[in-house]
Protein backbone atom coordinates (compact mmCIF):
# COMPACT_ATOMS: atom_id res chain seq x y z
CA MET A 1 0.62 -10.41 7.25
CA VAL A 2 1.11 -6.94 8.63
CA ILE A 3 1.73 -4.63 5.69
CA ALA A 4 2.97 -1.05 6.04
CA VAL A 5 1.89 1.16 3.14
CA ASP A 6 3.29 4.56 2.22
CA PHE A 7 0.86 7.26 1.07
CA ASP A 8 2.52 9.87 -1.18
CA GLY A 9 3.76 8.29 -4.39
CA THR A 10 2.29 4.90 -3.46
CA ILE A 11 -1.46 5.32 -2.90
CA VAL A 12 -1.62 8.73 -4.55
CA GLU A 13 0.62 10.56 -7.00
CA HIS A 14 3.40 12.43 -5.20
CA ARG A 15 2.19 16.03 -4.70
CA TYR A 16 3.19 16.49 -1.03
CA PRO A 17 2.04 18.47 0.90
CA HIS A 18 -1.05 18.31 -1.32
CA ILE A 19 -2.83 15.05 -2.04
CA GLY A 20 -2.26 13.84 -5.59
CA LYS A 21 -4.64 11.78 -7.70
CA GLU A 22 -5.17 8.18 -6.62
CA ILE A 23 -2.81 5.79 -8.35
CA PRO A 24 -5.00 3.38 -10.35
CA PHE A 25 -6.10 0.34 -8.36
CA ALA A 26 -4.21 1.32 -5.18
CA ILE A 27 -7.29 1.56 -2.94
CA ALA A 28 -9.02 -1.42 -4.59
CA THR A 29 -5.93 -3.59 -4.13
CA LEU A 30 -5.50 -2.59 -0.50
CA LYS A 31 -9.17 -3.30 0.22
CA LYS A 32 -8.79 -6.72 -1.44
CA LEU A 33 -5.75 -7.45 0.74
CA GLN A 34 -7.76 -6.49 3.82
CA ALA A 35 -10.53 -8.86 2.72
CA GLU A 36 -7.85 -11.57 2.71
CA HIS A 37 -7.18 -10.72 6.40
CA HIS A 38 -3.96 -8.73 6.02
CA LEU A 39 -3.51 -5.89 8.53
CA LEU A 40 -2.62 -2.59 6.86
CA ILE A 41 -0.66 0.18 8.54
CA LEU A 42 -0.52 3.60 6.91
CA TRP A 43 3.16 4.52 7.09
CA SER A 44 3.77 8.11 6.08
CA VAL A 45 6.07 11.05 6.70
CA ARG A 46 2.88 13.10 7.09
CA GLU A 47 2.01 14.33 10.56
CA GLY A 48 -0.79 16.30 12.20
CA GLU A 49 -3.33 17.85 9.84
CA LEU A 50 -1.57 16.54 6.72
CA LEU A 51 -1.76 13.00 8.08
CA GLU A 52 -5.42 13.44 8.98
CA GLU A 53 -6.08 14.53 5.38
CA ALA A 54 -4.43 11.33 4.08
CA VAL A 55 -6.42 9.13 6.49
CA ASP A 56 -9.66 10.94 5.51
CA PHE A 57 -8.83 10.55 1.81
CA CYS A 58 -8.59 6.78 2.25
CA ARG A 59 -11.57 6.56 4.61
CA LYS A 60 -13.84 8.34 2.10
CA ARG A 61 -12.92 5.59 -0.36
CA GLY A 62 -13.75 2.83 2.11
CA LEU A 63 -10.21 2.06 3.25
CA GLU A 64 -9.61 1.99 7.00
CA PHE A 65 -6.16 1.19 8.34
CA TYR A 66 -5.40 -1.09 11.27
CA ALA A 67 -3.00 1.57 12.56
CA VAL A 68 -1.50 4.85 11.38
CA ASN A 69 2.25 5.44 11.82
CA ALA A 70 2.12 2.92 14.66
CA ASN A 71 2.36 -0.80 15.30
CA HIS A 72 -1.01 -1.00 16.99
CA PRO A 73 -4.08 1.29 17.07
CA ASP A 74 -3.60 1.93 20.81
CA GLU A 75 -0.20 3.52 20.16
CA GLN A 76 -1.71 6.35 18.14
CA VAL A 77 -2.19 9.78 19.63
CA LYS A 78 -5.75 10.58 18.59
CA ASP A 79 -5.64 14.41 18.76
CA ASP A 80 -2.92 15.15 16.20
CA MET A 81 -2.22 11.63 14.89
CA ALA A 82 1.48 12.02 15.68
CA THR A 83 3.43 9.19 17.23
CA PRO A 84 7.05 8.47 18.12
CA CYS A 85 6.96 5.27 16.01
CA ARG A 86 8.73 6.15 12.77
CA LYS A 87 9.13 2.63 11.38
CA PRO A 88 6.45 0.13 12.31
CA LYS A 89 7.10 -3.56 12.72
CA ALA A 90 5.68 -5.10 9.56
CA ASP A 91 6.12 -8.20 7.46
CA LEU A 92 6.15 -6.15 4.28
CA PHE A 93 6.53 -2.50 3.26
CA ILE A 94 4.90 -1.09 0.11
CA ASP A 95 6.65 2.13 -0.85
CA ASP A 96 7.42 3.95 -4.09
CA ARG A 97 10.98 4.48 -2.84
CA ASN A 98 11.85 0.77 -3.09
CA VAL A 99 15.09 -0.12 -4.82
CA GLY A 100 14.03 -0.56 -8.42
CA GLY A 101 10.87 1.48 -7.92
CA MET A 102 7.32 0.42 -7.29
CA PRO A 103 5.73 -2.35 -9.35
CA ASP A 104 2.16 -1.70 -10.44
CA TRP A 105 -0.61 -2.60 -8.00
CA GLY A 106 -1.53 -5.75 -9.94
CA ALA A 107 1.99 -7.10 -9.44
CA VAL A 108 1.92 -6.05 -5.77
CA TYR A 109 -1.33 -7.97 -5.25
CA GLU A 110 -0.09 -11.10 -7.02
CA MET A 111 3.17 -11.17 -5.05
CA ILE A 112 1.39 -10.78 -1.70
CA HIS A 113 -1.52 -13.08 -2.51
CA ASN A 114 0.78 -15.84 -3.78
CA ARG A 115 3.58 -15.06 -1.29
CA TRP A 116 6.04 -14.65 -4.16
CA SER A 117 9.25 -12.66 -4.26
CA TYR A 118 9.63 -10.28 -7.19
CA GLU A 119 11.96 -12.80 -8.85
CA ARG A 120 9.38 -15.56 -8.49
CA TYR A 121 6.69 -13.22 -9.83
CA ILE A 122 8.80 -12.62 -12.96
CA ASP A 123 9.41 -16.37 -13.36
CA GLU A 124 5.80 -17.43 -12.74
CA VAL A 125 3.95 -14.75 -14.65
CA HIS A 126 6.40 -13.66 -17.31
CA ARG A 127 8.63 -16.73 -17.77
CA GLY A 128 11.71 -14.78 -16.70
CA GLU A 129 11.09 -11.79 -18.99
CA MET A 130 10.49 -8.33 -17.64
CA PRO A 131 6.73 -7.72 -17.48
CA GLU A 132 4.93 -5.38 -19.81
CA LYS A 133 2.25 -3.21 -18.32
CA MET A 134 -0.92 -5.32 -18.25
CA SER A 135 -4.31 -4.42 -16.90
CA PHE A 136 -4.59 -5.02 -13.16
CA TRP A 137 -8.07 -6.46 -13.52
CA LYS A 138 -6.98 -8.82 -16.29
CA ARG A 139 -4.10 -10.19 -14.19
CA VAL A 140 -5.95 -10.45 -10.89
CA PHE A 141 -9.49 -11.31 -11.96
CA GLY A 142 -9.15 -12.38 -15.60
CA ARG A 143 -7.95 -15.88 -14.91
CA GLY A 144 -10.90 -18.18 -14.92
């Protein structure tokens, strides 16, 4: 799948124009999704130097995006990282501004990995009850 991922409030705490602290397991989950051959697009309101800072933040943590604010790497303007593409074509968007908010990264991984809707996630993992916060690592890697 092609997955567009927001930066502020999704990968890091929302402190725009500054970069907030990494949201637990965001980078690890995205790297795991890449290892499963998903293409990740960084989709952010950031432009120019602020966008470069976000890309560098992720790169220093070993996360490289397929494209940045674009559908394909060739669409990007390399000098200032600005592009006319404001909404990339993606199969899925991960954004803290979703209706109902952003599930934790463990839930995001399980839904993408299993190709479940949120409703199916609730049914499969929590037997129809709203989930309690559970450790990402326990949910994703704890099943033997």
